[in-house]
Amino acid sequence: MADQVNIFTKNAPAPVGPYSQAVKTPTAIYCSGQIPLTPQGTMVEGSIADMTKQCCENLGAVLEEAGSSLAKVVKCNIFISDMAHFAVCFLRCLERHHLHRGWPADLRQEMNSVYEKYFPHKPARSCVAVKTLPKNVDVEIEAIALP
């Protein structure tokens, strides 16, 4: 397909299956889900915040290779292994609606330092808890961005 370019970069982990890291079209870049795997293939251990950060770094590298950036993301789809992780992934949204009352301050700080750092422009998003993710990770993030 002439209007479709498959994107691959060594600055993000290699796909764990037969797919592209992203597909660029004239109107959008569709990024495959990124898990907390470093470009060298090491799995990020630790908190959900650490894992989320690596997913976002990977997305940024793929988008840069495609000639775009995280600032041009218009939609994120986040898959998590447990809805308890939702608080870390999306607490900033909950804060705006005052739904975080009673939640630990460290979770609020964790979110402020991770998600909003990468997506201050607040793109549309969905968050879905799934039974299992590739390599048994706790979070996977895919994105759609403008070229």
N, C-alpha and C. Protein backbone atom coordinates (compact mmCIF):
# COMPACT_ATOMS: atom_id res chain seq x y z
N MET A 1 0.84 -1.18 0.00
CA MET A 1 0.00 0.00 0.00
C MET A 1 0.89 1.25 0.00
N ALA A 2 0.79 2.07 -1.00
CA ALA A 2 1.67 3.23 -1.17
C ALA A 2 1.49 4.28 -0.09
N ASP A 3 0.30 4.42 0.47
CA ASP A 3 0.04 5.44 1.47
C ASP A 3 0.28 4.95 2.89
N GLN A 4 0.89 3.79 3.02
CA GLN A 4 1.13 3.21 4.34
C GLN A 4 2.61 2.88 4.49
N VAL A 5 3.21 3.33 5.58
CA VAL A 5 4.62 3.06 5.85
C VAL A 5 4.72 2.36 7.20
N ASN A 6 5.35 1.20 7.22
CA ASN A 6 5.57 0.50 8.48
C ASN A 6 6.79 1.11 9.17
N ILE A 7 6.66 1.39 10.45
CA ILE A 7 7.70 2.06 11.22
C ILE A 7 8.39 1.07 12.15
N PHE A 8 9.73 1.11 12.13
CA PHE A 8 10.55 0.33 13.05
C PHE A 8 11.70 1.21 13.52
N THR A 9 12.03 1.14 14.80
CA THR A 9 13.20 1.84 15.33
C THR A 9 13.90 0.96 16.36
N LYS A 10 15.20 1.10 16.42
CA LYS A 10 15.98 0.38 17.44
C LYS A 10 15.93 1.11 18.78
N ASN A 11 15.31 2.29 18.81
CA ASN A 11 15.20 3.07 20.04
C ASN A 11 14.00 2.67 20.88
N ALA A 12 13.29 1.64 20.45
CA ALA A 12 12.18 1.05 21.20
C ALA A 12 12.35 -0.46 21.08
N PRO A 13 11.73 -1.22 21.98
CA PRO A 13 11.89 -2.68 21.89
C PRO A 13 11.33 -3.24 20.59
N ALA A 14 11.96 -4.29 20.11
CA ALA A 14 11.46 -4.97 18.92
C ALA A 14 10.08 -5.55 19.22
N PRO A 15 9.21 -5.60 18.23
CA PRO A 15 7.89 -6.21 18.45
C PRO A 15 8.03 -7.65 18.96
N VAL A 16 7.10 -8.05 19.81
CA VAL A 16 7.13 -9.42 20.34
C VAL A 16 6.32 -10.37 19.47
N GLY A 17 5.89 -9.90 18.31
CA GLY A 17 5.13 -10.71 17.37
C GLY A 17 5.30 -10.18 15.96
N PRO A 18 4.55 -10.72 15.01
CA PRO A 18 4.68 -10.31 13.61
C PRO A 18 3.87 -9.04 13.29
N TYR A 19 4.35 -7.91 13.77
CA TYR A 19 3.66 -6.63 13.52
C TYR A 19 4.68 -5.50 13.54
N SER A 20 4.26 -4.33 13.07
CA SER A 20 5.11 -3.13 13.07
C SER A 20 4.98 -2.41 14.40
N GLN A 21 6.00 -1.64 14.74
CA GLN A 21 5.90 -0.80 15.94
C GLN A 21 4.85 0.28 15.72
N ALA A 22 4.69 0.70 14.48
CA ALA A 22 3.65 1.67 14.12
C ALA A 22 3.42 1.59 12.62
N VAL A 23 2.30 2.13 12.20
CA VAL A 23 1.98 2.28 10.78
C VAL A 23 1.63 3.75 10.57
N LYS A 24 2.33 4.38 9.61
CA LYS A 24 2.10 5.78 9.30
C LYS A 24 1.29 5.88 8.02
N THR A 25 0.21 6.66 8.07
CA THR A 25 -0.60 6.97 6.90
C THR A 25 -0.55 8.48 6.71
N PRO A 26 -1.11 9.00 5.62
CA PRO A 26 -1.09 10.45 5.43
C PRO A 26 -1.80 11.24 6.54
N THR A 27 -2.75 10.61 7.23
CA THR A 27 -3.54 11.34 8.21
C THR A 27 -3.29 10.95 9.66
N ALA A 28 -2.63 9.83 9.91
CA ALA A 28 -2.44 9.38 11.30
C ALA A 28 -1.29 8.38 11.40
N ILE A 29 -0.79 8.26 12.62
CA ILE A 29 0.20 7.24 12.95
C ILE A 29 -0.43 6.35 14.01
N TYR A 30 -0.49 5.06 13.73
CA TYR A 30 -1.10 4.09 14.63
C TYR A 30 0.02 3.29 15.29
N CYS A 31 0.24 3.54 16.58
CA CYS A 31 1.31 2.86 17.31
C CYS A 31 0.79 1.58 17.94
N SER A 32 1.52 0.50 17.74
CA SER A 32 1.21 -0.75 18.42
C SER A 32 1.44 -0.57 19.91
N GLY A 33 0.81 -1.43 20.69
CA GLY A 33 0.96 -1.36 22.13
C GLY A 33 2.41 -1.52 22.56
N GLN A 34 2.82 -0.69 23.50
CA GLN A 34 4.17 -0.76 24.06
C GLN A 34 4.08 -1.26 25.50
N ILE A 35 4.93 -2.22 25.81
CA ILE A 35 4.99 -2.76 27.16
C ILE A 35 6.26 -2.23 27.84
N PRO A 36 6.41 -2.42 29.15
CA PRO A 36 7.58 -1.87 29.85
C PRO A 36 8.86 -2.67 29.61
N LEU A 37 9.24 -2.73 28.37
CA LEU A 37 10.45 -3.42 27.94
C LEU A 37 11.40 -2.36 27.40
N THR A 38 12.65 -2.39 27.80
CA THR A 38 13.61 -1.41 27.29
C THR A 38 13.98 -1.76 25.85
N PRO A 39 14.56 -0.82 25.12
CA PRO A 39 15.00 -1.13 23.75
C PRO A 39 16.00 -2.29 23.70
N GLN A 40 16.71 -2.51 24.79
CA GLN A 40 17.68 -3.61 24.85
C GLN A 40 17.02 -4.94 25.21
N GLY A 41 15.74 -4.92 25.52
CA GLY A 41 15.01 -6.15 25.82
C GLY A 41 14.89 -6.49 27.29
N THR A 42 15.25 -5.57 28.18
CA THR A 42 15.14 -5.80 29.61
C THR A 42 13.77 -5.36 30.10
N MET A 43 13.11 -6.21 30.86
CA MET A 43 11.80 -5.87 31.41
C MET A 43 11.97 -4.92 32.60
N VAL A 44 11.21 -3.84 32.63
CA VAL A 44 11.25 -2.90 33.74
C VAL A 44 10.46 -3.50 34.90
N GLU A 45 11.10 -3.60 36.03
CA GLU A 45 10.46 -4.09 37.25
C GLU A 45 10.14 -2.88 38.12
N GLY A 46 9.40 -3.10 39.17
CA GLY A 46 9.14 -2.02 40.11
C GLY A 46 7.69 -1.60 40.09
N SER A 47 7.47 -0.31 40.29
CA SER A 47 6.12 0.21 40.43
C SER A 47 5.42 0.34 39.08
N ILE A 48 4.11 0.46 39.14
CA ILE A 48 3.34 0.69 37.92
C ILE A 48 3.75 2.01 37.28
N ALA A 49 4.20 2.97 38.09
CA ALA A 49 4.69 4.24 37.56
C ALA A 49 5.94 4.02 36.72
N ASP A 50 6.87 3.19 37.21
CA ASP A 50 8.09 2.88 36.45
C ASP A 50 7.74 2.21 35.13
N MET A 51 6.79 1.29 35.18
CA MET A 51 6.38 0.57 33.97
C MET A 51 5.70 1.51 32.98
N THR A 52 4.83 2.39 33.50
CA THR A 52 4.13 3.36 32.65
C THR A 52 5.14 4.29 31.98
N LYS A 53 6.14 4.71 32.72
CA LYS A 53 7.17 5.59 32.16
C LYS A 53 7.86 4.92 30.98
N GLN A 54 8.23 3.65 31.12
CA GLN A 54 8.91 2.96 30.02
C GLN A 54 8.01 2.82 28.80
N CYS A 55 6.74 2.52 29.03
CA CYS A 55 5.79 2.44 27.91
C CYS A 55 5.74 3.77 27.16
N CYS A 56 5.69 4.86 27.91
CA CYS A 56 5.63 6.19 27.28
C CYS A 56 6.92 6.52 26.55
N GLU A 57 8.06 6.17 27.14
CA GLU A 57 9.35 6.39 26.46
C GLU A 57 9.39 5.62 25.14
N ASN A 58 8.91 4.39 25.16
CA ASN A 58 8.89 3.58 23.94
C ASN A 58 8.00 4.21 22.88
N LEU A 59 6.81 4.66 23.29
CA LEU A 59 5.91 5.32 22.34
C LEU A 59 6.57 6.56 21.75
N GLY A 60 7.24 7.34 22.58
CA GLY A 60 7.92 8.54 22.10
C GLY A 60 8.97 8.21 21.05
N ALA A 61 9.73 7.15 21.27
CA ALA A 61 10.77 6.76 20.31
C ALA A 61 10.16 6.31 18.98
N VAL A 62 9.08 5.56 19.04
CA VAL A 62 8.41 5.10 17.82
C VAL A 62 7.84 6.30 17.06
N LEU A 63 7.19 7.20 17.77
CA LEU A 63 6.61 8.38 17.12
C LEU A 63 7.69 9.27 16.52
N GLU A 64 8.81 9.41 17.20
CA GLU A 64 9.92 10.20 16.65
C GLU A 64 10.42 9.60 15.34
N GLU A 65 10.54 8.29 15.30
CA GLU A 65 10.97 7.61 14.07
C GLU A 65 9.98 7.86 12.94
N ALA A 66 8.70 8.02 13.29
CA ALA A 66 7.65 8.27 12.29
C ALA A 66 7.53 9.75 11.93
N GLY A 67 8.35 10.60 12.56
CA GLY A 67 8.29 12.03 12.27
C GLY A 67 7.26 12.76 13.09
N SER A 68 6.83 12.19 14.18
CA SER A 68 5.81 12.80 15.04
C SER A 68 6.37 12.89 16.46
N SER A 69 5.47 13.02 17.44
CA SER A 69 5.90 13.11 18.84
C SER A 69 4.73 12.81 19.76
N LEU A 70 5.03 12.65 21.04
CA LEU A 70 3.97 12.44 22.03
C LEU A 70 3.02 13.64 22.08
N ALA A 71 3.52 14.83 21.76
CA ALA A 71 2.69 16.03 21.78
C ALA A 71 1.59 15.98 20.72
N LYS A 72 1.73 15.10 19.73
CA LYS A 72 0.73 14.99 18.67
C LYS A 72 -0.21 13.79 18.87
N VAL A 73 -0.11 13.14 20.03
CA VAL A 73 -1.01 12.01 20.32
C VAL A 73 -2.42 12.55 20.54
N VAL A 74 -3.38 11.93 19.87
CA VAL A 74 -4.79 12.32 20.01
C VAL A 74 -5.61 11.28 20.77
N LYS A 75 -5.07 10.06 20.92
CA LYS A 75 -5.82 9.00 21.61
C LYS A 75 -4.84 7.98 22.17
N CYS A 76 -5.04 7.63 23.43
CA CYS A 76 -4.28 6.55 24.07
C CYS A 76 -5.25 5.45 24.49
N ASN A 77 -4.85 4.23 24.28
CA ASN A 77 -5.57 3.07 24.81
C ASN A 77 -4.62 2.39 25.77
N ILE A 78 -5.05 2.26 27.01
CA ILE A 78 -4.21 1.67 28.04
C ILE A 78 -4.85 0.38 28.51
N PHE A 79 -4.04 -0.66 28.54
CA PHE A 79 -4.49 -1.97 29.00
C PHE A 79 -3.73 -2.28 30.28
N ILE A 80 -4.44 -2.64 31.33
CA ILE A 80 -3.81 -2.93 32.61
C ILE A 80 -4.28 -4.29 33.12
N SER A 81 -3.44 -4.92 33.93
CA SER A 81 -3.74 -6.26 34.43
C SER A 81 -4.69 -6.25 35.61
N ASP A 82 -4.89 -5.08 36.21
CA ASP A 82 -5.73 -4.99 37.41
C ASP A 82 -6.26 -3.56 37.48
N MET A 83 -7.54 -3.39 37.70
CA MET A 83 -8.11 -2.04 37.77
C MET A 83 -7.55 -1.25 38.95
N ALA A 84 -6.90 -1.91 39.89
CA ALA A 84 -6.24 -1.18 40.98
C ALA A 84 -5.14 -0.27 40.41
N HIS A 85 -4.58 -0.63 39.26
CA HIS A 85 -3.56 0.20 38.62
C HIS A 85 -4.16 1.44 37.98
N PHE A 86 -5.46 1.46 37.80
CA PHE A 86 -6.14 2.61 37.19
C PHE A 86 -5.81 3.89 37.93
N ALA A 87 -5.73 3.81 39.25
CA ALA A 87 -5.44 4.99 40.06
C ALA A 87 -4.12 5.62 39.65
N VAL A 88 -3.12 4.81 39.41
CA VAL A 88 -1.81 5.33 39.04
C VAL A 88 -1.83 5.86 37.62
N CYS A 89 -2.52 5.18 36.73
CA CYS A 89 -2.55 5.59 35.32
C CYS A 89 -3.36 6.87 35.10
N PHE A 90 -4.41 7.06 35.88
CA PHE A 90 -5.33 8.16 35.57
C PHE A 90 -5.73 9.04 36.74
N LEU A 91 -4.95 9.07 37.79
CA LEU A 91 -5.34 9.83 38.97
C LEU A 91 -5.52 11.31 38.67
N ARG A 92 -4.75 11.84 37.74
CA ARG A 92 -4.86 13.27 37.43
C ARG A 92 -6.26 13.61 36.95
N CYS A 93 -6.86 12.76 36.13
CA CYS A 93 -8.23 12.97 35.66
C CYS A 93 -9.18 12.95 36.85
N LEU A 94 -8.99 12.02 37.75
CA LEU A 94 -9.86 11.92 38.91
C LEU A 94 -9.72 13.15 39.81
N GLU A 95 -8.51 13.68 39.92
CA GLU A 95 -8.30 14.87 40.74
C GLU A 95 -9.13 16.04 40.22
N ARG A 96 -9.21 16.17 38.91
CA ARG A 96 -9.98 17.28 38.33
C ARG A 96 -11.45 17.20 38.72
N HIS A 97 -11.93 15.99 38.95
CA HIS A 97 -13.34 15.81 39.30
C HIS A 97 -13.53 15.52 40.78
N HIS A 98 -12.47 15.71 41.57
CA HIS A 98 -12.52 15.53 43.03
C HIS A 98 -12.99 14.13 43.43
N LEU A 99 -12.61 13.12 42.65
CA LEU A 99 -12.98 11.75 42.97
C LEU A 99 -11.87 11.00 43.70
N HIS A 100 -10.76 11.69 43.99
CA HIS A 100 -9.61 11.04 44.59
C HIS A 100 -9.61 11.12 46.11
N ARG A 101 -10.59 11.75 46.71
CA ARG A 101 -10.58 11.96 48.16
C ARG A 101 -10.37 10.65 48.90
N GLY A 102 -9.47 10.68 49.83
CA GLY A 102 -9.18 9.50 50.62
C GLY A 102 -8.08 8.63 50.03
N TRP A 103 -7.63 8.93 48.83
CA TRP A 103 -6.56 8.15 48.22
C TRP A 103 -5.22 8.68 48.71
N PRO A 104 -4.22 7.83 48.85
CA PRO A 104 -2.91 8.27 49.36
C PRO A 104 -2.28 9.35 48.47
N ALA A 105 -1.66 10.32 49.12
CA ALA A 105 -1.02 11.42 48.39
C ALA A 105 0.10 10.93 47.49
N ASP A 106 0.77 9.83 47.88
CA ASP A 106 1.87 9.35 47.05
C ASP A 106 1.39 8.85 45.70
N LEU A 107 0.15 8.32 45.63
CA LEU A 107 -0.40 7.91 44.34
C LEU A 107 -0.64 9.13 43.47
N ARG A 108 -1.14 10.22 44.07
CA ARG A 108 -1.36 11.44 43.30
C ARG A 108 -0.04 11.96 42.75
N GLN A 109 0.99 11.96 43.58
CA GLN A 109 2.30 12.43 43.16
C GLN A 109 2.88 11.54 42.06
N GLU A 110 2.69 10.23 42.22
CA GLU A 110 3.18 9.28 41.22
C GLU A 110 2.59 9.60 39.85
N MET A 111 1.28 9.84 39.82
CA MET A 111 0.63 10.13 38.55
C MET A 111 1.12 11.45 37.97
N ASN A 112 1.21 12.47 38.82
CA ASN A 112 1.66 13.77 38.34
C ASN A 112 3.03 13.70 37.70
N SER A 113 3.88 12.84 38.21
CA SER A 113 5.24 12.76 37.69
C SER A 113 5.38 11.84 36.48
N VAL A 114 4.35 11.07 36.16
CA VAL A 114 4.45 10.14 35.04
C VAL A 114 3.53 10.53 33.89
N TYR A 115 2.26 10.27 34.01
CA TYR A 115 1.36 10.43 32.87
C TYR A 115 1.31 11.86 32.34
N GLU A 116 1.14 12.83 33.23
CA GLU A 116 1.00 14.21 32.77
C GLU A 116 2.31 14.74 32.18
N LYS A 117 3.43 14.18 32.59
CA LYS A 117 4.72 14.57 31.99
C LYS A 117 4.73 14.25 30.50
N TYR A 118 4.16 13.13 30.15
CA TYR A 118 4.18 12.70 28.76
C TYR A 118 2.99 13.22 27.94
N PHE A 119 1.87 13.45 28.60
CA PHE A 119 0.66 13.87 27.89
C PHE A 119 0.00 15.08 28.55
N PRO A 120 0.71 16.22 28.63
CA PRO A 120 0.13 17.40 29.26
C PRO A 120 -1.05 17.98 28.46
N HIS A 121 -1.16 17.61 27.20
CA HIS A 121 -2.23 18.12 26.34
C HIS A 121 -3.52 17.31 26.48
N LYS A 122 -3.52 16.29 27.32
CA LYS A 122 -4.71 15.50 27.67
C LYS A 122 -5.44 14.91 26.47
N PRO A 123 -4.79 13.99 25.74
CA PRO A 123 -5.48 13.35 24.62
C PRO A 123 -6.62 12.46 25.11
N ALA A 124 -7.51 12.11 24.21
CA ALA A 124 -8.58 11.17 24.55
C ALA A 124 -7.94 9.86 24.99
N ARG A 125 -8.64 9.09 25.84
CA ARG A 125 -8.04 7.84 26.31
C ARG A 125 -9.09 6.86 26.78
N SER A 126 -8.70 5.62 26.76
CA SER A 126 -9.50 4.53 27.31
C SER A 126 -8.59 3.71 28.19
N CYS A 127 -9.15 3.09 29.21
CA CYS A 127 -8.38 2.20 30.07
C CYS A 127 -9.20 0.95 30.31
N VAL A 128 -8.60 -0.19 30.00
CA VAL A 128 -9.31 -1.46 30.09
C VAL A 128 -8.47 -2.45 30.89
N ALA A 129 -9.09 -3.10 31.86
CA ALA A 129 -8.41 -4.18 32.58
C ALA A 129 -8.60 -5.46 31.78
N VAL A 130 -7.51 -6.18 31.59
CA VAL A 130 -7.54 -7.43 30.82
C VAL A 130 -6.97 -8.55 31.68
N LYS A 131 -7.27 -9.76 31.29
CA LYS A 131 -6.81 -10.91 32.08
C LYS A 131 -5.30 -11.08 32.02
N THR A 132 -4.73 -10.97 30.82
CA THR A 132 -3.29 -11.18 30.64
C THR A 132 -2.78 -10.27 29.53
N LEU A 133 -1.56 -9.77 29.71
CA LEU A 133 -0.89 -8.97 28.70
C LEU A 133 0.37 -9.71 28.24
N PRO A 134 0.93 -9.31 27.08
CA PRO A 134 2.14 -9.99 26.61
C PRO A 134 3.24 -10.01 27.67
N LYS A 135 3.91 -11.14 27.78
CA LYS A 135 5.01 -11.33 28.73
C LYS A 135 4.57 -11.12 30.18
N ASN A 136 3.26 -11.22 30.42
CA ASN A 136 2.68 -11.07 31.77
C ASN A 136 2.99 -9.74 32.44
N VAL A 137 3.07 -8.66 31.64
CA VAL A 137 3.31 -7.33 32.20
C VAL A 137 2.01 -6.79 32.80
N ASP A 138 2.12 -5.68 33.52
CA ASP A 138 0.94 -5.08 34.16
C ASP A 138 0.33 -3.94 33.37
N VAL A 139 1.05 -3.41 32.37
CA VAL A 139 0.52 -2.28 31.60
C VAL A 139 1.03 -2.34 30.16
N GLU A 140 0.17 -1.95 29.23
CA GLU A 140 0.52 -1.80 27.82
C GLU A 140 -0.21 -0.56 27.32
N ILE A 141 0.48 0.28 26.56
CA ILE A 141 -0.13 1.52 26.06
C ILE A 141 0.06 1.59 24.55
N GLU A 142 -1.04 1.85 23.83
CA GLU A 142 -0.97 2.11 22.39
C GLU A 142 -1.49 3.51 22.15
N ALA A 143 -1.16 4.08 21.01
CA ALA A 143 -1.55 5.47 20.75
C ALA A 143 -1.81 5.70 19.27
N ILE A 144 -2.60 6.73 19.03
CA ILE A 144 -2.83 7.26 17.68
C ILE A 144 -2.37 8.71 17.72
N ALA A 145 -1.55 9.09 16.74
CA ALA A 145 -1.01 10.45 16.71
C ALA A 145 -1.16 11.05 15.32
N LEU A 146 -1.09 12.35 15.27
CA LEU A 146 -1.06 13.05 13.99
C LEU A 146 0.37 13.01 13.44
N PRO A 147 0.51 12.97 12.12
CA PRO A 147 1.88 12.95 11.54
C PRO A 147 2.61 14.27 11.78
